Amino acid sequence: MGMNDMTTLSTPVSLTFGGQAIAKGTYGLWLLKASADKYELVFNSESSGMGMSHDKSKDIASIALKKETVPAAVETLTIELSESSNGGVFAMTWGATKLSSEFQFSK
């Protein structure tokens, strides 16, 4: 996702994205364009390296992302985590596109 180095997410607690459990830990993140308007966030057990070669055999989960158009284009890929009552929202924005998914803290 980012430039050159692998984009990672580290979580000290287990999370649930769209019904899929993500155990606490550190994951490499990949963005997959599944079709013209459908994107997926892929959690991969490989979390170090250059991020140039995606080893699908190490994928942990693939989460469907909601696609939106933003009113003002963003030049730099921006990843945000915002809080909600029992979890939050993972969002990434680049150009006029915002991709997002809600998540919950697992018990």
PDB file of N, CA and C in Angstrom:
ATOM      1  N   MET A   1       0.823  -1.191   0.000  1.00  0.00           N
ATOM      2  CA  MET A   1       0.000   0.000   0.000  1.00  0.00           C
ATOM      3  C   MET A   1       0.863   1.249   0.000  1.00  0.00           C
ATOM      4  N   GLY A   2       1.769   1.331   0.970  1.00  0.00           N
ATOM      5  CA  GLY A   2       2.629   2.498   1.018  1.00  0.00           C
ATOM      6  C   GLY A   2       3.748   2.361   0.001  1.00  0.00           C
ATOM      7  N   MET A   3       4.685   3.274   0.039  1.00  0.00           N
ATOM      8  CA  MET A   3       5.776   3.254  -0.921  1.00  0.00           C
ATOM      9  C   MET A   3       6.939   2.435  -0.385  1.00  0.00           C
ATOM     10  N   ASN A   4       7.300   1.380  -1.084  1.00  0.00           N
ATOM     11  CA  ASN A   4       8.453   0.523  -0.803  1.00  0.00           C
ATOM     12  C   ASN A   4       8.297  -0.355   0.435  1.00  0.00           C
ATOM     13  N   ASP A   5       8.381   0.204   1.641  1.00  0.00           N
ATOM     14  CA  ASP A   5       8.305  -0.611   2.848  1.00  0.00           C
ATOM     15  C   ASP A   5       6.894  -1.163   3.048  1.00  0.00           C
ATOM     16  N   MET A   6       6.825  -2.324   3.673  1.00  0.00           N
ATOM     17  CA  MET A   6       5.544  -2.957   3.963  1.00  0.00           C
ATOM     18  C   MET A   6       4.724  -2.088   4.913  1.00  0.00           C
ATOM     19  N   THR A   7       3.450  -1.947   4.623  1.00  0.00           N
ATOM     20  CA  THR A   7       2.526  -1.264   5.521  1.00  0.00           C
ATOM     21  C   THR A   7       2.049  -2.293   6.532  1.00  0.00           C
ATOM     22  N   THR A   8       2.130  -1.953   7.819  1.00  0.00           N
ATOM     23  CA  THR A   8       1.759  -2.905   8.864  1.00  0.00           C
ATOM     24  C   THR A   8       0.713  -2.326   9.808  1.00  0.00           C
ATOM     25  N   LEU A   9       0.026  -3.230  10.473  1.00  0.00           N
ATOM     26  CA  LEU A   9      -0.900  -2.875  11.547  1.00  0.00           C
ATOM     27  C   LEU A   9      -0.549  -3.745  12.736  1.00  0.00           C
ATOM     28  N   SER A  10      -0.297  -3.113  13.881  1.00  0.00           N
ATOM     29  CA  SER A  10      -0.033  -3.838  15.125  1.00  0.00           C
ATOM     30  C   SER A  10      -1.184  -3.562  16.081  1.00  0.00           C
ATOM     31  N   THR A  11      -1.738  -4.624  16.654  1.00  0.00           N
ATOM     32  CA  THR A  11      -2.833  -4.467  17.598  1.00  0.00           C
ATOM     33  C   THR A  11      -2.559  -5.286  18.861  1.00  0.00           C
ATOM     34  N   PRO A  12      -2.703  -4.670  20.041  1.00  0.00           N
ATOM     35  CA  PRO A  12      -2.477  -5.392  21.291  1.00  0.00           C
ATOM     36  C   PRO A  12      -3.702  -6.206  21.727  1.00  0.00           C
ATOM     37  N   VAL A  13      -4.807  -6.075  20.997  1.00  0.00           N
ATOM     38  CA  VAL A  13      -6.046  -6.810  21.302  1.00  0.00           C
ATOM     39  C   VAL A  13      -6.565  -7.442  20.018  1.00  0.00           C
ATOM     40  N   SER A  14      -7.379  -8.467  20.156  1.00  0.00           N
ATOM     41  CA  SER A  14      -8.002  -9.092  18.993  1.00  0.00           C
ATOM     42  C   SER A  14      -9.101  -8.184  18.457  1.00  0.00           C
ATOM     43  N   LEU A  15      -9.273  -8.200  17.133  1.00  0.00           N
ATOM     44  CA  LEU A  15     -10.258  -7.352  16.456  1.00  0.00           C
ATOM     45  C   LEU A  15     -11.162  -8.219  15.587  1.00  0.00           C
ATOM     46  N   THR A  16     -12.331  -7.684  15.263  1.00  0.00           N
ATOM     47  CA  THR A  16     -13.226  -8.337  14.316  1.00  0.00           C
ATOM     48  C   THR A  16     -13.590  -7.326  13.240  1.00  0.00           C
ATOM     49  N   PHE A  17     -13.272  -7.667  11.991  1.00  0.00           N
ATOM     50  CA  PHE A  17     -13.608  -6.851  10.827  1.00  0.00           C
ATOM     51  C   PHE A  17     -14.636  -7.637  10.020  1.00  0.00           C
ATOM     52  N   GLY A  18     -15.837  -7.098   9.850  1.00  0.00           N
ATOM     53  CA  GLY A  18     -16.830  -7.758   9.012  1.00  0.00           C
ATOM     54  C   GLY A  18     -17.055  -9.214   9.368  1.00  0.00           C
ATOM     55  N   GLY A  19     -17.054  -9.535  10.646  1.00  0.00           N
ATOM     56  CA  GLY A  19     -17.277 -10.902  11.089  1.00  0.00           C
ATOM     57  C   GLY A  19     -16.040 -11.779  11.079  1.00  0.00           C
ATOM     58  N   GLN A  20     -14.912 -11.267  10.608  1.00  0.00           N
ATOM     59  CA  GLN A  20     -13.674 -12.048  10.561  1.00  0.00           C
ATOM     60  C   GLN A  20     -12.753 -11.649  11.716  1.00  0.00           C
ATOM     61  N   ALA A  21     -12.343 -12.644  12.479  1.00  0.00           N
ATOM     62  CA  ALA A  21     -11.493 -12.407  13.642  1.00  0.00           C
ATOM     63  C   ALA A  21     -10.041 -12.203  13.225  1.00  0.00           C
ATOM     64  N   ILE A  22      -9.424 -11.195  13.813  1.00  0.00           N
ATOM     65  CA  ILE A  22      -8.000 -10.904  13.632  1.00  0.00           C
ATOM     66  C   ILE A  22      -7.374 -10.965  15.023  1.00  0.00           C
ATOM     67  N   ALA A  23      -6.538 -11.965  15.275  1.00  0.00           N
ATOM     68  CA  ALA A  23      -5.897 -12.115  16.583  1.00  0.00           C
ATOM     69  C   ALA A  23      -4.922 -10.969  16.832  1.00  0.00           C
ATOM     70  N   LYS A  24      -4.688 -10.662  18.110  1.00  0.00           N
ATOM     71  CA  LYS A  24      -3.715  -9.612  18.417  1.00  0.00           C
ATOM     72  C   LYS A  24      -2.381  -9.989  17.794  1.00  0.00           C
ATOM     73  N   GLY A  25      -1.650  -8.970  17.332  1.00  0.00           N
ATOM     74  CA  GLY A  25      -0.365  -9.213  16.689  1.00  0.00           C
ATOM     75  C   GLY A  25      -0.051  -8.149  15.662  1.00  0.00           C
ATOM     76  N   THR A  26       0.942  -8.407  14.844  1.00  0.00           N
ATOM     77  CA  THR A  26       1.371  -7.482  13.801  1.00  0.00           C
ATOM     78  C   THR A  26       1.185  -8.148  12.449  1.00  0.00           C
ATOM     79  N   TYR A  27       0.592  -7.411  11.519  1.00  0.00           N
ATOM     80  CA  TYR A  27       0.251  -7.947  10.200  1.00  0.00           C
ATOM     81  C   TYR A  27       0.731  -7.017   9.094  1.00  0.00           C
ATOM     82  N   GLY A  28       1.122  -7.609   7.979  1.00  0.00           N
ATOM     83  CA  GLY A  28       1.352  -6.852   6.766  1.00  0.00           C
ATOM     84  C   GLY A  28      -0.002  -6.609   6.115  1.00  0.00           C
ATOM     85  N   LEU A  29      -0.213  -5.411   5.595  1.00  0.00           N
ATOM     86  CA  LEU A  29      -1.485  -5.071   4.958  1.00  0.00           C
ATOM     87  C   LEU A  29      -1.306  -4.937   3.458  1.00  0.00           C
ATOM     88  N   TRP A  30      -2.257  -5.476   2.727  1.00  0.00           N
ATOM     89  CA  TRP A  30      -2.274  -5.391   1.274  1.00  0.00           C
ATOM     90  C   TRP A  30      -3.639  -4.902   0.832  1.00  0.00           C
ATOM     91  N   LEU A  31      -3.684  -4.132  -0.224  1.00  0.00           N
ATOM     92  CA  LEU A  31      -4.944  -3.676  -0.803  1.00  0.00           C
ATOM     93  C   LEU A  31      -5.148  -4.425  -2.107  1.00  0.00           C
ATOM     94  N   LEU A  32      -6.277  -5.104  -2.206  1.00  0.00           N
ATOM     95  CA  LEU A  32      -6.596  -5.888  -3.392  1.00  0.00           C
ATOM     96  C   LEU A  32      -7.790  -5.266  -4.099  1.00  0.00           C
ATOM     97  N   LYS A  33      -7.640  -5.003  -5.394  1.00  0.00           N
ATOM     98  CA  LYS A  33      -8.763  -4.521  -6.195  1.00  0.00           C
ATOM     99  C   LYS A  33      -9.453  -5.759  -6.758  1.00  0.00           C
ATOM    100  N   ALA A  34     -10.572  -6.135  -6.146  1.00  0.00           N
ATOM    101  CA  ALA A  34     -11.269  -7.368  -6.494  1.00  0.00           C
ATOM    102  C   ALA A  34     -12.031  -7.237  -7.814  1.00  0.00           C
ATOM    103  N   SER A  35     -12.542  -6.033  -8.092  1.00  0.00           N
ATOM    104  CA  SER A  35     -13.226  -5.730  -9.351  1.00  0.00           C
ATOM    105  C   SER A  35     -13.230  -4.222  -9.518  1.00  0.00           C
ATOM    106  N   ALA A  36     -13.926  -3.722 -10.523  1.00  0.00           N
ATOM    107  CA  ALA A  36     -13.878  -2.292 -10.850  1.00  0.00           C
ATOM    108  C   ALA A  36     -14.144  -1.384  -9.645  1.00  0.00           C
ATOM    109  N   ASP A  37     -15.126  -1.707  -8.814  1.00  0.00           N
ATOM    110  CA  ASP A  37     -15.474  -0.861  -7.669  1.00  0.00           C
ATOM    111  C   ASP A  37     -15.397  -1.586  -6.332  1.00  0.00           C
ATOM    112  N   LYS A  38     -14.752  -2.731  -6.289  1.00  0.00           N
ATOM    113  CA  LYS A  38     -14.664  -3.497  -5.049  1.00  0.00           C
ATOM    114  C   LYS A  38     -13.207  -3.688  -4.644  1.00  0.00           C
ATOM    115  N   TYR A  39     -12.944  -3.334  -3.390  1.00  0.00           N
ATOM    116  CA  TYR A  39     -11.593  -3.438  -2.843  1.00  0.00           C
ATOM    117  C   TYR A  39     -11.628  -4.279  -1.576  1.00  0.00           C
ATOM    118  N   GLU A  40     -10.506  -4.929  -1.280  1.00  0.00           N
ATOM    119  CA  GLU A  40     -10.381  -5.725  -0.070  1.00  0.00           C
ATOM    120  C   GLU A  40      -9.088  -5.369   0.653  1.00  0.00           C
ATOM    121  N   LEU A  41      -9.169  -5.341   1.981  1.00  0.00           N
ATOM    122  CA  LEU A  41      -8.004  -5.168   2.832  1.00  0.00           C
ATOM    123  C   LEU A  41      -7.557  -6.560   3.248  1.00  0.00           C
ATOM    124  N   VAL A  42      -6.317  -6.910   2.928  1.00  0.00           N
ATOM    125  CA  VAL A  42      -5.798  -8.248   3.212  1.00  0.00           C
ATOM    126  C   VAL A  42      -4.811  -8.165   4.373  1.00  0.00           C
ATOM    127  N   PHE A  43      -5.055  -8.995   5.398  1.00  0.00           N
ATOM    128  CA  PHE A  43      -4.143  -9.137   6.530  1.00  0.00           C
ATOM    129  C   PHE A  43      -3.253 -10.339   6.236  1.00  0.00           C
ATOM    130  N   ASN A  44      -1.928 -10.141   6.314  1.00  0.00           N
ATOM    131  CA  ASN A  44      -0.971 -11.175   5.964  1.00  0.00           C
ATOM    132  C   ASN A  44      -0.024 -11.375   7.147  1.00  0.00           C
ATOM    133  N   SER A  45       0.348 -12.629   7.420  1.00  0.00           N
ATOM    134  CA  SER A  45       1.219 -12.907   8.568  1.00  0.00           C
ATOM    135  C   SER A  45       2.642 -12.394   8.374  1.00  0.00           C
ATOM    136  N   GLU A  46       3.036 -12.117   7.146  1.00  0.00           N
ATOM    137  CA  GLU A  46       4.361 -11.552   6.879  1.00  0.00           C
ATOM    138  C   GLU A  46       4.284 -10.042   7.091  1.00  0.00           C
ATOM    139  N   SER A  47       5.056  -9.541   8.068  1.00  0.00           N
ATOM    140  CA  SER A  47       4.933  -8.130   8.433  1.00  0.00           C
ATOM    141  C   SER A  47       6.228  -7.339   8.301  1.00  0.00           C
ATOM    142  N   SER A  48       7.225  -7.912   7.628  1.00  0.00           N
ATOM    143  CA  SER A  48       8.464  -7.171   7.424  1.00  0.00           C
ATOM    144  C   SER A  48       8.916  -7.348   5.984  1.00  0.00           C
ATOM    145  N   GLY A  49       9.802  -6.479   5.573  1.00  0.00           N
ATOM    146  CA  GLY A  49      10.313  -6.551   4.210  1.00  0.00           C
ATOM    147  C   GLY A  49       9.904  -5.344   3.395  1.00  0.00           C
ATOM    148  N   MET A  50      10.127  -5.448   2.113  1.00  0.00           N
ATOM    149  CA  MET A  50       9.903  -4.325   1.212  1.00  0.00           C
ATOM    150  C   MET A  50       8.450  -4.170   0.773  1.00  0.00           C
ATOM    151  N   GLY A  51       7.630  -5.155   0.916  1.00  0.00           N
ATOM    152  CA  GLY A  51       6.231  -5.014   0.538  1.00  0.00           C
ATOM    153  C   GLY A  51       6.007  -5.010  -0.963  1.00  0.00           C
ATOM    154  N   MET A  52       6.899  -5.648  -1.691  1.00  0.00           N
ATOM    155  CA  MET A  52       6.783  -5.669  -3.154  1.00  0.00           C
ATOM    156  C   MET A  52       6.187  -6.971  -3.680  1.00  0.00           C
ATOM    157  N   SER A  53       6.240  -8.034  -2.873  1.00  0.00           N
ATOM    158  CA  SER A  53       5.791  -9.349  -3.331  1.00  0.00           C
ATOM    159  C   SER A  53       4.810  -9.931  -2.324  1.00  0.00           C
ATOM    160  N   HIS A  54       3.557 -10.073  -2.718  1.00  0.00           N
ATOM    161  CA  HIS A  54       2.497 -10.562  -1.847  1.00  0.00           C
ATOM    162  C   HIS A  54       2.443 -12.085  -1.890  1.00  0.00           C
ATOM    163  N   ASP A  55       2.748 -12.725  -0.755  1.00  0.00           N
ATOM    164  CA  ASP A  55       2.672 -14.180  -0.633  1.00  0.00           C
ATOM    165  C   ASP A  55       1.280 -14.527  -0.108  1.00  0.00           C
ATOM    166  N   LYS A  56       0.367 -14.877  -1.019  1.00  0.00           N
ATOM    167  CA  LYS A  56      -1.025 -15.148  -0.662  1.00  0.00           C
ATOM    168  C   LYS A  56      -1.173 -16.330   0.287  1.00  0.00           C
ATOM    169  N   SER A  57      -0.201 -17.225   0.320  1.00  0.00           N
ATOM    170  CA  SER A  57      -0.290 -18.381   1.217  1.00  0.00           C
ATOM    171  C   SER A  57      -0.209 -17.957   2.685  1.00  0.00           C
ATOM    172  N   LYS A  58       0.222 -16.720   2.951  1.00  0.00           N
ATOM    173  CA  LYS A  58       0.332 -16.216   4.316  1.00  0.00           C
ATOM    174  C   LYS A  58      -0.805 -15.265   4.689  1.00  0.00           C
ATOM    175  N   ASP A  59      -1.837 -15.176   3.833  1.00  0.00           N
ATOM    176  CA  ASP A  59      -2.987 -14.335   4.137  1.00  0.00           C
ATOM    177  C   ASP A  59      -3.775 -14.906   5.311  1.00  0.00           C
ATOM    178  N   ILE A  60      -4.158 -14.039   6.233  1.00  0.00           N
ATOM    179  CA  ILE A  60      -4.941 -14.408   7.406  1.00  0.00           C
ATOM    180  C   ILE A  60      -6.423 -14.135   7.160  1.00  0.00           C
ATOM    181  N   ALA A  61      -6.722 -12.984   6.546  1.00  0.00           N
ATOM    182  CA  ALA A  61      -8.111 -12.587   6.300  1.00  0.00           C
ATOM    183  C   ALA A  61      -8.154 -11.552   5.187  1.00  0.00           C
ATOM    184  N   SER A  62      -9.290 -11.492   4.532  1.00  0.00           N
ATOM    185  CA  SER A  62      -9.540 -10.506   3.482  1.00  0.00           C
ATOM    186  C   SER A  62     -10.877  -9.835   3.794  1.00  0.00           C
ATOM    187  N   ILE A  63     -10.859  -8.515   3.949  1.00  0.00           N
ATOM    188  CA  ILE A  63     -12.015  -7.756   4.398  1.00  0.00           C
ATOM    189  C   ILE A  63     -12.526  -6.851   3.275  1.00  0.00           C
ATOM    190  N   ALA A  64     -13.808  -6.933   2.973  1.00  0.00           N
ATOM    191  CA  ALA A  64     -14.408  -6.030   1.979  1.00  0.00           C
ATOM    192  C   ALA A  64     -14.399  -4.604   2.519  1.00  0.00           C
ATOM    193  N   LEU A  65     -14.044  -3.652   1.660  1.00  0.00           N
ATOM    194  CA  LEU A  65     -13.997  -2.244   2.042  1.00  0.00           C
ATOM    195  C   LEU A  65     -15.122  -1.466   1.377  1.00  0.00           C
ATOM    196  N   LYS A  66     -15.644  -0.501   2.098  1.00  0.00           N
ATOM    197  CA  LYS A  66     -16.660   0.407   1.565  1.00  0.00           C
ATOM    198  C   LYS A  66     -15.936   1.500   0.776  1.00  0.00           C
ATOM    199  N   LYS A  67     -16.406   1.798  -0.434  1.00  0.00           N
ATOM    200  CA  LYS A  67     -15.779   2.823  -1.271  1.00  0.00           C
ATOM    201  C   LYS A  67     -16.649   4.072  -1.297  1.00  0.00           C
ATOM    202  N   GLU A  68     -16.003   5.226  -1.095  1.00  0.00           N
ATOM    203  CA  GLU A  68     -16.678   6.526  -1.138  1.00  0.00           C
ATOM    204  C   GLU A  68     -15.817   7.506  -1.931  1.00  0.00           C
ATOM    205  N   THR A  69     -16.455   8.521  -2.466  1.00  0.00           N
ATOM    206  CA  THR A  69     -15.744   9.621  -3.110  1.00  0.00           C
ATOM    207  C   THR A  69     -15.678  10.780  -2.125  1.00  0.00           C
ATOM    208  N   VAL A  70     -14.486  11.364  -1.965  1.00  0.00           N
ATOM    209  CA  VAL A  70     -14.316  12.496  -1.053  1.00  0.00           C
ATOM    210  C   VAL A  70     -14.362  13.794  -1.849  1.00  0.00           C
ATOM    211  N   PRO A  71     -14.833  14.877  -1.225  1.00  0.00           N
ATOM    212  CA  PRO A  71     -14.987  16.142  -1.959  1.00  0.00           C
ATOM    213  C   PRO A  71     -13.679  16.799  -2.377  1.00  0.00           C
ATOM    214  N   ALA A  72     -12.622  16.607  -1.584  1.00  0.00           N
ATOM    215  CA  ALA A  72     -11.330  17.214  -1.908  1.00  0.00           C
ATOM    216  C   ALA A  72     -10.279  16.111  -2.025  1.00  0.00           C
ATOM    217  N   ALA A  73      -9.594  16.070  -3.148  1.00  0.00           N
ATOM    218  CA  ALA A  73      -8.590  15.026  -3.387  1.00  0.00           C
ATOM    219  C   ALA A  73      -7.449  15.108  -2.381  1.00  0.00           C
ATOM    220  N   VAL A  74      -6.912  13.939  -2.015  1.00  0.00           N
ATOM    221  CA  VAL A  74      -5.798  13.814  -1.079  1.00  0.00           C
ATOM    222  C   VAL A  74      -4.588  13.324  -1.868  1.00  0.00           C
ATOM    223  N   GLU A  75      -3.478  14.062  -1.818  1.00  0.00           N
ATOM    224  CA  GLU A  75      -2.293  13.709  -2.607  1.00  0.00           C
ATOM    225  C   GLU A  75      -1.499  12.549  -2.025  1.00  0.00           C
ATOM    226  N   THR A  76      -1.461  12.447  -0.701  1.00  0.00           N
ATOM    227  CA  THR A  76      -0.672  11.422  -0.032  1.00  0.00           C
ATOM    228  C   THR A  76      -1.592  10.358   0.539  1.00  0.00           C
ATOM    229  N   LEU A  77      -1.262   9.077   0.320  1.00  0.00           N
ATOM    230  CA  LEU A  77      -2.037   8.000   0.914  1.00  0.00           C
ATOM    231  C   LEU A  77      -2.117   8.223   2.419  1.00  0.00           C
ATOM    232  N   THR A  78      -3.332   8.288   2.939  1.00  0.00           N
ATOM    233  CA  THR A  78      -3.555   8.559   4.348  1.00  0.00           C
ATOM    234  C   THR A  78      -4.340   7.407   4.958  1.00  0.00           C
ATOM    235  N   ILE A  79      -3.819   6.846   6.041  1.00  0.00           N
ATOM    236  CA  ILE A  79      -4.505   5.776   6.761  1.00  0.00           C
ATOM    237  C   ILE A  79      -4.902   6.322   8.125  1.00  0.00           C
ATOM    238  N   GLU A  80      -6.181   6.132   8.476  1.00  0.00           N
ATOM    239  CA  GLU A  80      -6.701   6.655   9.734  1.00  0.00           C
ATOM    240  C   GLU A  80      -7.413   5.554  10.503  1.00  0.00           C
ATOM    241  N   LEU A  81      -7.274   5.583  11.820  1.00  0.00           N
ATOM    242  CA  LEU A  81      -8.057   4.758  12.723  1.00  0.00           C
ATOM    243  C   LEU A  81      -8.835   5.707  13.611  1.00  0.00           C
ATOM    244  N   SER A  82     -10.158   5.613  13.569  1.00  0.00           N
ATOM    245  CA  SER A  82     -10.972   6.463  14.430  1.00  0.00           C
ATOM    246  C   SER A  82     -11.783   5.587  15.375  1.00  0.00           C
ATOM    247  N   GLU A  83     -12.050   6.102  16.554  1.00  0.00           N
ATOM    248  CA  GLU A  83     -12.695   5.353  17.618  1.00  0.00           C
ATOM    249  C   GLU A  83     -14.210   5.419  17.536  1.00  0.00           C
ATOM    250  N   SER A  84     -14.855   4.320  17.926  1.00  0.00           N
ATOM    251  CA  SER A  84     -16.307   4.300  18.130  1.00  0.00           C
ATOM    252  C   SER A  84     -16.570   3.573  19.445  1.00  0.00           C
ATOM    253  N   SER A  85     -17.817   3.329  19.785  1.00  0.00           N
ATOM    254  CA  SER A  85     -18.148   2.808  21.119  1.00  0.00           C
ATOM    255  C   SER A  85     -17.490   1.468  21.454  1.00  0.00           C
ATOM    256  N   ASN A  86     -17.462   0.507  20.545  1.00  0.00           N
ATOM    257  CA  ASN A  86     -16.864  -0.796  20.836  1.00  0.00           C
ATOM    258  C   ASN A  86     -15.843  -1.182  19.777  1.00  0.00           C
ATOM    259  N   GLY A  87     -15.160  -0.212  19.244  1.00  0.00           N
ATOM    260  CA  GLY A  87     -14.192  -0.484  18.192  1.00  0.00           C
ATOM    261  C   GLY A  87     -13.825   0.787  17.477  1.00  0.00           C
ATOM    262  N   GLY A  88     -13.936   0.747  16.143  1.00  0.00           N
ATOM    263  CA  GLY A  88     -13.581   1.931  15.385  1.00  0.00           C
ATOM    264  C   GLY A  88     -13.755   1.726  13.900  1.00  0.00           C
ATOM    265  N   VAL A  89     -13.124   2.615  13.146  1.00  0.00           N
ATOM    266  CA  VAL A  89     -13.169   2.574  11.692  1.00  0.00           C
ATOM    267  C   VAL A  89     -11.738   2.665  11.172  1.00  0.00           C
ATOM    268  N   PHE A  90     -11.384   1.729  10.292  1.00  0.00           N
ATOM    269  CA  PHE A  90     -10.130   1.779   9.558  1.00  0.00           C
ATOM    270  C   PHE A  90     -10.455   2.446   8.230  1.00  0.00           C
ATOM    271  N   ALA A  91      -9.730   3.503   7.865  1.00  0.00           N
ATOM    272  CA  ALA A  91      -9.996   4.199   6.600  1.00  0.00           C
ATOM    273  C   ALA A  91      -8.692   4.580   5.926  1.00  0.00           C
ATOM    274  N   MET A  92      -8.691   4.500   4.603  1.00  0.00           N
ATOM    275  CA  MET A  92      -7.552   4.985   3.827  1.00  0.00           C
ATOM    276  C   MET A  92      -8.092   5.856   2.702  1.00  0.00           C
ATOM    277  N   THR A  93      -7.394   6.945   2.466  1.00  0.00           N
ATOM    278  CA  THR A  93      -7.822   7.902   1.444  1.00  0.00           C
ATOM    279  C   THR A  93      -6.647   8.225   0.548  1.00  0.00           C
ATOM    280  N   TRP A  94      -6.932   8.288  -0.754  1.00  0.00           N
ATOM    281  CA  TRP A  94      -5.926   8.671  -1.740  1.00  0.00           C
ATOM    282  C   TRP A  94      -6.667   9.182  -2.962  1.00  0.00           C
ATOM    283  N   GLY A  95      -6.232  10.332  -3.459  1.00  0.00           N
ATOM    284  CA  GLY A  95      -6.969  10.943  -4.567  1.00  0.00           C
ATOM    285  C   GLY A  95      -8.357  11.301  -4.088  1.00  0.00           C
ATOM    286  N   ALA A  96      -9.361  10.963  -4.869  1.00  0.00           N
ATOM    287  CA  ALA A  96     -10.750  11.269  -4.507  1.00  0.00           C
ATOM    288  C   ALA A  96     -11.460  10.063  -3.902  1.00  0.00           C
ATOM    289  N   THR A  97     -10.698   9.009  -3.542  1.00  0.00           N
ATOM    290  CA  THR A  97     -11.297   7.768  -3.059  1.00  0.00           C
ATOM    291  C   THR A  97     -10.970   7.512  -1.596  1.00  0.00           C
ATOM    292  N   LYS A  98     -12.009   7.138  -0.861  1.00  0.00           N
ATOM    293  CA  LYS A  98     -11.851   6.716   0.535  1.00  0.00           C
ATOM    294  C   LYS A  98     -12.385   5.291   0.646  1.00  0.00           C
ATOM    295  N   LEU A  99     -11.572   4.404   1.231  1.00  0.00           N
ATOM    296  CA  LEU A  99     -11.951   3.017   1.470  1.00  0.00           C
ATOM    297  C   LEU A  99     -11.963   2.796   2.973  1.00  0.00           C
ATOM    298  N   SER A 100     -13.004   2.121   3.483  1.00  0.00           N
ATOM    299  CA  SER A 100     -13.095   1.982   4.929  1.00  0.00           C
ATOM    300  C   SER A 100     -13.803   0.697   5.348  1.00  0.00           C
ATOM    301  N   SER A 101     -13.590   0.348   6.615  1.00  0.00           N
ATOM    302  CA  SER A 101     -14.270  -0.789   7.236  1.00  0.00           C
ATOM    303  C   SER A 101     -14.357  -0.540   8.727  1.00  0.00           C
ATOM    304  N   GLU A 102     -15.514  -0.855   9.287  1.00  0.00           N
ATOM    305  CA  GLU A 102     -15.663  -0.794  10.741  1.00  0.00           C
ATOM    306  C   GLU A 102     -15.026  -2.034  11.348  1.00  0.00           C
ATOM    307  N   PHE A 103     -14.581  -1.910  12.602  1.00  0.00           N
ATOM    308  CA  PHE A 103     -14.056  -3.056  13.338  1.00  0.00           C
ATOM    309  C   PHE A 103     -14.528  -2.970  14.779  1.00  0.00           C
ATOM    310  N   GLN A 104     -14.540  -4.125  15.434  1.00  0.00           N
ATOM    311  CA  GLN A 104     -14.916  -4.199  16.830  1.00  0.00           C
ATOM    312  C   GLN A 104     -13.773  -4.850  17.603  1.00  0.00           C
ATOM    313  N   PHE A 105     -13.708  -4.512  18.903  1.00  0.00           N
ATOM    314  CA  PHE A 105     -12.763  -5.185  19.785  1.00  0.00           C
ATOM    315  C   PHE A 105     -13.358  -6.533  20.130  1.00  0.00           C
ATOM    316  N   SER A 106     -12.602  -7.599  19.964  1.00  0.00           N
ATOM    317  CA  SER A 106     -13.090  -8.942  20.263  1.00  0.00           C
ATOM    318  C   SER A 106     -12.978  -9.202  21.763  1.00  0.00           C
ATOM    319  N   LYS A 107     -13.862 -10.058  22.249  1.00  0.00           N
ATOM    320  CA  LYS A 107     -13.846 -10.394  23.681  1.00  0.00           C
ATOM    321  C   LYS A 107     -13.136 -11.699  23.897  1.00  0.00           C
TER     322      LYS A 107
END
